[in-house]
Amino acid sequence: MLNSDQSSGKKKQQAFTIIKDDPTDGHGGFGMGSLSLENMSSIIVDPTEDKAYIDMDAMHARSEVERRVKYFPNKEDVPNGRLYWIVWVTTERGENGPYYAGVAGSELRIDRPNKCAYKSMGEHVSHMEKSLKGKIVVDHMDDHSKTLLRDFLADFNKDMWENSSDSLKNELA
């Protein structure tokens, strides 16, 4: 699958967002206490195609795999759905540099031929929040998908992977 930059011969540069400025700039007024998604990125894990990649459009439920399908609230309504994971990755900066702080995978089932899909919006929102709070929520993912995610994170930025918690490394082992 090519994006417009790749089809013209240019490779689109993907990157994790690492710690932006405080959106309230310390004023403590409007917006104080609201969550910021500035240091969160979304990764699509596709176990069928053996790949993982960043797709920031998933932050707004507009990733390439999510487009042009009708969503159903029950997984049973999409019996032939192909499994994808949208993994919410939050980065932080520690004393040794940036690291993957929170990682939470949310299930997505897409039946492209029938233009239907399943995802639990409540689960996605809950997992985004847990990732923002530095939690690791991947125990419900299949082993192959976890391996794809681990390899992607380690290959994407070795230093960030090395700086990450042993808990994350063990969960994805």
N, C-alpha and C. Protein backbone atom coordinates (compact mmCIF):
# COMPACT_ATOMS: atom_id res chain seq x y z
N MET A 1 0.85 -1.17 0.00
CA MET A 1 0.00 0.00 0.00
C MET A 1 0.90 1.24 0.00
N LEU A 2 0.71 2.10 -0.97
CA LEU A 2 1.54 3.30 -1.09
C LEU A 2 0.72 4.53 -0.75
N ASN A 3 1.39 5.48 -0.11
CA ASN A 3 0.73 6.76 0.07
C ASN A 3 1.20 7.67 -1.06
N SER A 4 0.68 8.86 -1.16
CA SER A 4 1.01 9.74 -2.28
C SER A 4 2.49 10.08 -2.33
N ASP A 5 3.14 10.20 -1.17
CA ASP A 5 4.57 10.51 -1.16
C ASP A 5 5.39 9.34 -1.68
N GLN A 6 4.98 8.10 -1.34
CA GLN A 6 5.72 6.94 -1.77
C GLN A 6 5.53 6.69 -3.26
N SER A 7 4.33 6.94 -3.78
CA SER A 7 4.09 6.69 -5.19
C SER A 7 4.85 7.67 -6.07
N SER A 8 5.24 8.82 -5.56
CA SER A 8 6.01 9.77 -6.35
C SER A 8 7.51 9.56 -6.18
N GLY A 9 7.89 8.45 -5.49
CA GLY A 9 9.30 8.15 -5.33
C GLY A 9 9.90 8.66 -4.04
N LYS A 10 9.16 9.43 -3.27
CA LYS A 10 9.64 9.95 -1.99
C LYS A 10 9.10 9.08 -0.88
N LYS A 11 9.93 8.71 0.06
CA LYS A 11 9.48 7.94 1.20
C LYS A 11 8.97 8.88 2.28
N LYS A 12 7.76 8.64 2.73
CA LYS A 12 7.17 9.48 3.77
C LYS A 12 7.87 9.19 5.09
N GLN A 13 8.35 10.21 5.76
CA GLN A 13 9.04 10.06 7.03
C GLN A 13 8.02 9.93 8.15
N GLN A 14 8.10 8.85 8.90
CA GLN A 14 7.21 8.64 10.03
C GLN A 14 8.02 8.81 11.30
N ALA A 15 7.41 9.34 12.32
CA ALA A 15 8.10 9.53 13.58
C ALA A 15 7.11 9.50 14.73
N PHE A 16 7.61 9.12 15.88
CA PHE A 16 6.81 9.22 17.09
C PHE A 16 6.85 10.65 17.56
N THR A 17 5.77 11.10 18.16
CA THR A 17 5.73 12.41 18.77
C THR A 17 6.31 12.27 20.16
N ILE A 18 7.34 13.03 20.45
CA ILE A 18 8.00 12.93 21.76
C ILE A 18 7.89 14.27 22.48
N ILE A 19 7.11 14.30 23.54
CA ILE A 19 6.97 15.42 24.47
C ILE A 19 6.97 16.79 23.82
N LYS A 20 5.79 17.29 23.66
CA LYS A 20 5.62 18.67 23.19
C LYS A 20 5.55 19.59 24.40
N ASP A 21 5.40 20.88 24.14
CA ASP A 21 5.27 21.84 25.22
C ASP A 21 3.96 21.65 25.97
N ASP A 22 3.90 22.13 27.20
CA ASP A 22 2.69 22.10 28.01
C ASP A 22 1.63 22.96 27.31
N PRO A 23 0.47 22.37 26.93
CA PRO A 23 -0.54 23.14 26.21
C PRO A 23 -1.11 24.29 27.01
N THR A 24 -0.99 24.25 28.33
CA THR A 24 -1.52 25.34 29.14
C THR A 24 -0.46 26.40 29.40
N ASP A 25 0.78 26.13 29.00
CA ASP A 25 1.90 27.05 29.21
C ASP A 25 1.99 27.55 30.64
N GLY A 26 1.53 26.72 31.58
CA GLY A 26 1.67 27.06 32.99
C GLY A 26 0.66 28.07 33.51
N HIS A 27 -0.29 28.51 32.68
CA HIS A 27 -1.21 29.55 33.14
C HIS A 27 -2.28 29.02 34.09
N GLY A 28 -2.56 27.69 34.06
CA GLY A 28 -3.49 27.11 35.01
C GLY A 28 -4.94 27.46 34.77
N GLY A 29 -5.26 28.08 33.66
CA GLY A 29 -6.63 28.48 33.38
C GLY A 29 -7.35 27.48 32.50
N PHE A 30 -7.95 27.98 31.43
CA PHE A 30 -8.74 27.14 30.53
C PHE A 30 -7.89 25.98 30.01
N GLY A 31 -8.45 24.78 30.04
CA GLY A 31 -7.77 23.61 29.55
C GLY A 31 -6.95 22.88 30.61
N MET A 32 -6.84 23.47 31.76
CA MET A 32 -6.07 22.84 32.83
C MET A 32 -6.76 21.54 33.23
N GLY A 33 -6.00 20.47 33.32
CA GLY A 33 -6.55 19.17 33.70
C GLY A 33 -7.04 18.35 32.52
N SER A 34 -6.98 18.90 31.30
CA SER A 34 -7.40 18.12 30.15
C SER A 34 -6.23 17.25 29.67
N LEU A 35 -6.56 16.15 29.02
CA LEU A 35 -5.54 15.25 28.51
C LEU A 35 -4.99 15.76 27.19
N SER A 36 -3.71 15.62 27.01
CA SER A 36 -3.07 16.00 25.76
C SER A 36 -2.62 14.73 25.05
N LEU A 37 -2.90 14.65 23.77
CA LEU A 37 -2.49 13.50 22.96
C LEU A 37 -1.20 13.79 22.20
N GLU A 38 -0.51 14.87 22.58
CA GLU A 38 0.65 15.29 21.81
C GLU A 38 1.81 14.30 21.84
N ASN A 39 1.93 13.46 22.87
CA ASN A 39 3.02 12.50 22.87
C ASN A 39 2.50 11.07 22.71
N MET A 40 1.40 10.94 21.97
CA MET A 40 0.86 9.63 21.65
C MET A 40 0.90 9.43 20.14
N SER A 41 1.23 8.21 19.76
CA SER A 41 1.21 7.82 18.35
C SER A 41 0.40 6.54 18.22
N SER A 42 -0.09 6.28 17.02
CA SER A 42 -0.88 5.07 16.78
C SER A 42 -0.16 4.18 15.76
N ILE A 43 -0.06 2.92 16.12
CA ILE A 43 0.57 1.93 15.25
C ILE A 43 -0.50 0.91 14.85
N ILE A 44 -0.54 0.58 13.58
CA ILE A 44 -1.41 -0.47 13.10
C ILE A 44 -0.58 -1.74 13.02
N VAL A 45 -1.05 -2.80 13.65
CA VAL A 45 -0.40 -4.11 13.55
C VAL A 45 -1.33 -4.99 12.72
N ASP A 46 -0.79 -5.50 11.62
CA ASP A 46 -1.54 -6.35 10.70
C ASP A 46 -0.89 -7.73 10.70
N PRO A 47 -1.39 -8.66 11.55
CA PRO A 47 -0.76 -9.98 11.62
C PRO A 47 -0.91 -10.81 10.35
N THR A 48 -1.93 -10.54 9.56
CA THR A 48 -2.12 -11.28 8.31
C THR A 48 -1.01 -10.96 7.31
N GLU A 49 -0.63 -9.71 7.24
CA GLU A 49 0.42 -9.27 6.31
C GLU A 49 1.79 -9.21 6.97
N ASP A 50 1.89 -9.60 8.23
CA ASP A 50 3.16 -9.59 8.98
C ASP A 50 3.82 -8.22 8.97
N LYS A 51 3.05 -7.19 9.31
CA LYS A 51 3.64 -5.86 9.34
C LYS A 51 3.01 -5.00 10.43
N ALA A 52 3.78 -3.98 10.79
CA ALA A 52 3.32 -2.95 11.72
C ALA A 52 3.82 -1.62 11.19
N TYR A 53 3.01 -0.58 11.33
CA TYR A 53 3.38 0.73 10.80
C TYR A 53 2.62 1.83 11.54
N ILE A 54 3.20 3.01 11.52
CA ILE A 54 2.57 4.17 12.14
C ILE A 54 1.50 4.71 11.20
N ASP A 55 0.33 4.98 11.73
CA ASP A 55 -0.73 5.65 10.98
C ASP A 55 -1.39 6.63 11.94
N MET A 56 -0.94 7.87 11.90
CA MET A 56 -1.45 8.89 12.82
C MET A 56 -2.93 9.20 12.60
N ASP A 57 -3.47 8.86 11.45
CA ASP A 57 -4.89 9.09 11.20
C ASP A 57 -5.78 8.22 12.10
N ALA A 58 -5.22 7.16 12.66
CA ALA A 58 -5.99 6.32 13.59
C ALA A 58 -6.37 7.10 14.85
N MET A 59 -5.63 8.16 15.15
CA MET A 59 -5.96 8.98 16.32
C MET A 59 -7.37 9.55 16.21
N HIS A 60 -7.84 9.70 14.99
CA HIS A 60 -9.18 10.26 14.76
C HIS A 60 -10.08 9.25 14.05
N ALA A 61 -9.75 7.96 14.19
CA ALA A 61 -10.50 6.86 13.57
C ALA A 61 -10.58 7.03 12.06
N ARG A 62 -9.50 7.54 11.47
CA ARG A 62 -9.48 7.77 10.02
C ARG A 62 -8.29 7.08 9.36
N SER A 63 -7.76 6.02 9.97
CA SER A 63 -6.65 5.30 9.36
C SER A 63 -7.12 4.66 8.06
N GLU A 64 -6.18 4.29 7.24
CA GLU A 64 -6.52 3.69 5.94
C GLU A 64 -7.39 2.45 6.11
N VAL A 65 -7.08 1.60 7.08
CA VAL A 65 -7.87 0.38 7.26
C VAL A 65 -9.27 0.66 7.81
N GLU A 66 -9.47 1.79 8.47
CA GLU A 66 -10.76 2.11 9.08
C GLU A 66 -11.73 2.81 8.12
N ARG A 67 -11.23 3.25 7.01
CA ARG A 67 -12.07 4.04 6.09
C ARG A 67 -12.99 3.15 5.24
N ARG A 68 -14.10 3.74 4.85
CA ARG A 68 -15.04 3.15 3.91
C ARG A 68 -15.66 1.83 4.38
N VAL A 69 -15.92 1.73 5.69
CA VAL A 69 -16.61 0.57 6.24
C VAL A 69 -17.69 1.05 7.20
N LYS A 70 -18.69 0.21 7.40
CA LYS A 70 -19.74 0.50 8.36
C LYS A 70 -19.42 -0.29 9.63
N TYR A 71 -19.48 0.39 10.78
CA TYR A 71 -19.14 -0.24 12.04
C TYR A 71 -20.36 -0.86 12.71
N PHE A 72 -20.11 -2.04 13.29
CA PHE A 72 -21.13 -2.74 14.05
C PHE A 72 -20.65 -2.89 15.49
N PRO A 73 -21.59 -2.86 16.45
CA PRO A 73 -21.20 -2.90 17.86
C PRO A 73 -20.82 -4.29 18.37
N ASN A 74 -21.16 -5.34 17.62
CA ASN A 74 -20.89 -6.71 18.08
C ASN A 74 -19.94 -7.41 17.12
N LYS A 75 -18.96 -8.08 17.69
CA LYS A 75 -17.98 -8.81 16.89
C LYS A 75 -18.65 -9.88 16.03
N GLU A 76 -19.74 -10.47 16.54
CA GLU A 76 -20.46 -11.52 15.81
C GLU A 76 -21.07 -11.01 14.51
N ASP A 77 -21.26 -9.69 14.40
CA ASP A 77 -21.83 -9.10 13.19
C ASP A 77 -20.80 -9.01 12.06
N VAL A 78 -19.54 -9.31 12.39
CA VAL A 78 -18.46 -9.26 11.39
C VAL A 78 -17.68 -10.58 11.48
N PRO A 79 -18.34 -11.70 11.12
CA PRO A 79 -17.72 -13.01 11.33
C PRO A 79 -16.47 -13.26 10.48
N ASN A 80 -16.36 -12.60 9.36
CA ASN A 80 -15.21 -12.80 8.47
C ASN A 80 -14.22 -11.65 8.54
N GLY A 81 -14.26 -10.92 9.63
CA GLY A 81 -13.40 -9.76 9.77
C GLY A 81 -11.94 -10.13 9.94
N ARG A 82 -11.09 -9.41 9.24
CA ARG A 82 -9.64 -9.60 9.33
C ARG A 82 -9.14 -8.84 10.56
N LEU A 83 -8.29 -9.47 11.34
CA LEU A 83 -7.80 -8.89 12.58
C LEU A 83 -6.72 -7.84 12.32
N TYR A 84 -6.89 -6.70 12.96
CA TYR A 84 -5.88 -5.65 13.05
C TYR A 84 -5.84 -5.24 14.51
N TRP A 85 -4.74 -4.63 14.90
CA TRP A 85 -4.64 -4.01 16.22
C TRP A 85 -4.24 -2.56 16.02
N ILE A 86 -4.93 -1.66 16.69
CA ILE A 86 -4.46 -0.28 16.76
C ILE A 86 -3.80 -0.19 18.13
N VAL A 87 -2.51 0.11 18.11
CA VAL A 87 -1.75 0.15 19.35
C VAL A 87 -1.43 1.61 19.66
N TRP A 88 -1.86 2.05 20.82
CA TRP A 88 -1.66 3.42 21.28
C TRP A 88 -0.35 3.45 22.05
N VAL A 89 0.62 4.21 21.54
CA VAL A 89 1.95 4.26 22.13
C VAL A 89 2.22 5.69 22.62
N THR A 90 2.46 5.80 23.92
CA THR A 90 2.79 7.10 24.50
C THR A 90 4.28 7.11 24.82
N THR A 91 4.92 8.20 24.46
CA THR A 91 6.35 8.34 24.72
C THR A 91 6.57 9.39 25.80
N GLU A 92 7.62 9.19 26.54
CA GLU A 92 8.02 10.15 27.58
C GLU A 92 9.51 10.35 27.46
N ARG A 93 10.01 11.33 28.18
CA ARG A 93 11.45 11.58 28.20
C ARG A 93 11.92 11.36 29.64
N GLY A 94 12.88 10.44 29.79
CA GLY A 94 13.46 10.14 31.10
C GLY A 94 14.88 10.66 31.18
N GLU A 95 15.58 10.30 32.23
CA GLU A 95 16.95 10.78 32.41
C GLU A 95 17.89 10.26 31.34
N ASN A 96 17.56 9.10 30.73
CA ASN A 96 18.40 8.54 29.66
C ASN A 96 17.90 8.91 28.27
N GLY A 97 16.85 9.69 28.19
CA GLY A 97 16.29 10.09 26.90
C GLY A 97 14.88 9.56 26.73
N PRO A 98 14.33 9.69 25.52
CA PRO A 98 12.95 9.26 25.28
C PRO A 98 12.79 7.74 25.37
N TYR A 99 11.57 7.32 25.74
CA TYR A 99 11.26 5.90 25.84
C TYR A 99 9.78 5.69 25.61
N TYR A 100 9.41 4.43 25.32
CA TYR A 100 8.01 4.06 25.16
C TYR A 100 7.44 3.87 26.57
N ALA A 101 6.55 4.75 26.97
CA ALA A 101 6.05 4.74 28.35
C ALA A 101 4.77 3.93 28.48
N GLY A 102 3.80 4.15 27.62
CA GLY A 102 2.52 3.45 27.68
C GLY A 102 2.22 2.81 26.35
N VAL A 103 1.75 1.57 26.38
CA VAL A 103 1.43 0.83 25.16
C VAL A 103 0.16 0.03 25.41
N ALA A 104 -0.86 0.25 24.59
CA ALA A 104 -2.13 -0.46 24.75
C ALA A 104 -2.71 -0.80 23.38
N GLY A 105 -3.00 -2.07 23.16
CA GLY A 105 -3.53 -2.53 21.88
C GLY A 105 -5.03 -2.71 21.91
N SER A 106 -5.69 -2.22 20.85
CA SER A 106 -7.14 -2.33 20.74
C SER A 106 -7.50 -3.09 19.47
N GLU A 107 -8.41 -4.04 19.62
CA GLU A 107 -8.80 -4.90 18.51
C GLU A 107 -9.65 -4.16 17.48
N LEU A 108 -9.44 -4.56 16.24
CA LEU A 108 -10.20 -4.04 15.12
C LEU A 108 -10.41 -5.20 14.15
N ARG A 109 -11.63 -5.40 13.69
CA ARG A 109 -11.94 -6.46 12.72
C ARG A 109 -12.56 -5.78 11.50
N ILE A 110 -11.96 -6.03 10.33
CA ILE A 110 -12.44 -5.40 9.10
C ILE A 110 -12.78 -6.47 8.08
N ASP A 111 -14.00 -6.43 7.55
CA ASP A 111 -14.42 -7.29 6.45
C ASP A 111 -14.53 -6.39 5.22
N ARG A 112 -13.42 -6.22 4.53
CA ARG A 112 -13.35 -5.30 3.39
C ARG A 112 -14.34 -5.65 2.28
N PRO A 113 -14.45 -6.94 1.86
CA PRO A 113 -15.40 -7.24 0.78
C PRO A 113 -16.84 -6.84 1.10
N ASN A 114 -17.23 -6.98 2.36
CA ASN A 114 -18.60 -6.63 2.75
C ASN A 114 -18.72 -5.24 3.35
N LYS A 115 -17.60 -4.51 3.37
CA LYS A 115 -17.55 -3.13 3.86
C LYS A 115 -18.15 -2.96 5.26
N CYS A 116 -17.79 -3.90 6.13
CA CYS A 116 -18.26 -3.80 7.50
C CYS A 116 -17.09 -4.03 8.46
N ALA A 117 -17.25 -3.57 9.69
CA ALA A 117 -16.16 -3.65 10.65
C ALA A 117 -16.71 -3.69 12.07
N TYR A 118 -15.83 -4.16 12.97
CA TYR A 118 -16.14 -4.16 14.39
C TYR A 118 -15.00 -3.48 15.14
N LYS A 119 -15.36 -2.60 16.05
CA LYS A 119 -14.44 -2.12 17.07
C LYS A 119 -15.28 -1.59 18.21
N SER A 120 -14.73 -1.75 19.40
CA SER A 120 -15.39 -1.26 20.59
C SER A 120 -14.82 0.12 20.90
N MET A 121 -15.61 1.15 20.65
CA MET A 121 -15.13 2.52 20.90
C MET A 121 -14.76 2.70 22.37
N GLY A 122 -15.53 2.09 23.26
CA GLY A 122 -15.21 2.19 24.68
C GLY A 122 -13.84 1.61 24.99
N GLU A 123 -13.54 0.46 24.39
CA GLU A 123 -12.23 -0.16 24.60
C GLU A 123 -11.12 0.72 24.04
N HIS A 124 -11.31 1.27 22.86
CA HIS A 124 -10.28 2.12 22.25
C HIS A 124 -10.00 3.35 23.12
N VAL A 125 -11.05 3.99 23.60
CA VAL A 125 -10.88 5.17 24.44
C VAL A 125 -10.20 4.79 25.76
N SER A 126 -10.63 3.69 26.36
CA SER A 126 -10.03 3.23 27.60
C SER A 126 -8.55 2.91 27.41
N HIS A 127 -8.22 2.25 26.30
CA HIS A 127 -6.81 1.91 26.04
C HIS A 127 -5.97 3.14 25.74
N MET A 128 -6.54 4.11 25.07
CA MET A 128 -5.81 5.37 24.85
C MET A 128 -5.48 6.01 26.19
N GLU A 129 -6.46 6.05 27.07
CA GLU A 129 -6.26 6.65 28.39
C GLU A 129 -5.21 5.89 29.19
N LYS A 130 -5.26 4.56 29.16
CA LYS A 130 -4.28 3.76 29.88
C LYS A 130 -2.87 3.99 29.33
N SER A 131 -2.76 4.08 28.01
CA SER A 131 -1.45 4.36 27.41
C SER A 131 -0.93 5.71 27.88
N LEU A 132 -1.80 6.72 27.89
CA LEU A 132 -1.39 8.04 28.35
C LEU A 132 -0.92 8.02 29.81
N LYS A 133 -1.47 7.11 30.59
CA LYS A 133 -1.09 7.00 32.00
C LYS A 133 0.11 6.08 32.21
N GLY A 134 0.73 5.63 31.11
CA GLY A 134 1.94 4.82 31.21
C GLY A 134 1.70 3.35 31.47
N LYS A 135 0.51 2.86 31.19
CA LYS A 135 0.19 1.44 31.42
C LYS A 135 0.55 0.62 30.17
N ILE A 136 0.81 -0.66 30.41
CA ILE A 136 1.07 -1.61 29.34
C ILE A 136 -0.12 -2.56 29.28
N VAL A 137 -0.87 -2.54 28.17
CA VAL A 137 -2.06 -3.37 28.02
C VAL A 137 -1.96 -4.12 26.69
N VAL A 138 -1.28 -5.26 26.74
CA VAL A 138 -1.11 -6.06 25.52
C VAL A 138 -1.35 -7.55 25.78
N ASP A 139 -1.73 -7.91 27.00
CA ASP A 139 -1.89 -9.32 27.34
C ASP A 139 -2.99 -10.02 26.55
N HIS A 140 -3.94 -9.30 26.00
CA HIS A 140 -5.02 -9.87 25.21
C HIS A 140 -4.65 -10.04 23.74
N MET A 141 -3.50 -9.53 23.33
CA MET A 141 -3.06 -9.65 21.94
C MET A 141 -2.45 -11.03 21.71
N ASP A 142 -2.58 -11.54 20.48
CA ASP A 142 -1.97 -12.83 20.14
C ASP A 142 -0.45 -12.68 20.08
N ASP A 143 0.25 -13.78 20.25
CA ASP A 143 1.71 -13.75 20.33
C ASP A 143 2.35 -13.21 19.05
N HIS A 144 1.82 -13.59 17.90
CA HIS A 144 2.39 -13.11 16.64
C HIS A 144 2.30 -11.59 16.53
N SER A 145 1.17 -11.04 16.91
CA SER A 145 0.98 -9.58 16.86
C SER A 145 1.91 -8.88 17.83
N LYS A 146 2.09 -9.46 19.01
CA LYS A 146 3.01 -8.87 19.99
C LYS A 146 4.45 -8.89 19.47
N THR A 147 4.82 -9.97 18.79
CA THR A 147 6.16 -10.04 18.20
C THR A 147 6.34 -8.98 17.13
N LEU A 148 5.34 -8.79 16.28
CA LEU A 148 5.41 -7.75 15.25
C LEU A 148 5.56 -6.37 15.89
N LEU A 149 4.80 -6.13 16.95
CA LEU A 149 4.87 -4.84 17.65
C LEU A 149 6.24 -4.65 18.29
N ARG A 150 6.72 -5.66 18.99
CA ARG A 150 8.03 -5.58 19.63
C ARG A 150 9.13 -5.29 18.60
N ASP A 151 9.12 -6.02 17.51
CA ASP A 151 10.13 -5.82 16.48
C ASP A 151 10.05 -4.42 15.87
N PHE A 152 8.81 -3.94 15.67
CA PHE A 152 8.64 -2.60 15.12
C PHE A 152 9.20 -1.54 16.07
N LEU A 153 8.83 -1.63 17.34
CA LEU A 153 9.30 -0.63 18.31
C LEU A 153 10.82 -0.67 18.46
N ALA A 154 11.39 -1.86 18.52
CA ALA A 154 12.84 -1.99 18.67
C ALA A 154 13.57 -1.49 17.43
N ASP A 155 13.05 -1.81 16.25
CA ASP A 155 13.69 -1.38 15.00
C ASP A 155 13.50 0.10 14.73
N PHE A 156 12.35 0.63 15.13
CA PHE A 156 12.04 2.03 14.85
C PHE A 156 13.04 2.95 15.52
N ASN A 157 13.31 2.69 16.81
CA ASN A 157 14.27 3.51 17.54
C ASN A 157 14.87 2.65 18.65
N LYS A 158 16.06 2.14 18.39
CA LYS A 158 16.71 1.24 19.33
C LYS A 158 16.92 1.88 20.70
N ASP A 159 17.30 3.16 20.72
CA ASP A 159 17.52 3.84 22.00
C ASP A 159 16.23 3.94 22.81
N MET A 160 15.12 4.28 22.15
CA MET A 160 13.84 4.37 22.87
C MET A 160 13.47 3.00 23.44
N TRP A 161 13.70 1.95 22.64
CA TRP A 161 13.40 0.60 23.10
C TRP A 161 14.27 0.24 24.30
N GLU A 162 15.55 0.53 24.22
CA GLU A 162 16.48 0.22 25.31
C GLU A 162 16.12 1.00 26.57
N ASN A 163 15.64 2.23 26.43
CA ASN A 163 15.26 3.06 27.57
C ASN A 163 13.91 2.67 28.18
N SER A 164 13.15 1.83 27.48
CA SER A 164 11.82 1.45 27.95
C SER A 164 11.90 0.47 29.11
N SER A 165 10.78 0.34 29.81
CA SER A 165 10.73 -0.49 31.02
C SER A 165 10.89 -1.97 30.70
N ASP A 166 11.40 -2.69 31.69
CA ASP A 166 11.48 -4.14 31.57
C ASP A 166 10.09 -4.74 31.48
N SER A 167 9.12 -4.08 32.09
CA SER A 167 7.73 -4.54 32.05
C SER A 167 7.25 -4.60 30.59
N LEU A 168 7.50 -3.56 29.83
CA LEU A 168 7.10 -3.54 28.42
C LEU A 168 7.82 -4.64 27.65
N LYS A 169 9.10 -4.75 27.84
CA LYS A 169 9.89 -5.77 27.13
C LYS A 169 9.41 -7.17 27.47
N ASN A 170 9.09 -7.42 28.73
CA ASN A 170 8.60 -8.73 29.14
C ASN A 170 7.22 -9.03 28.57
N GLU A 171 6.34 -8.02 28.56
CA GLU A 171 4.99 -8.22 28.02
C GLU A 171 5.02 -8.55 26.52
N LEU A 172 6.01 -8.02 25.82
CA LEU A 172 6.10 -8.26 24.38
C LEU A 172 7.08 -9.38 24.02
N ALA A 173 7.66 -10.02 25.04
CA ALA A 173 8.64 -11.11 24.79
C ALA A 173 7.97 -12.34 24.24
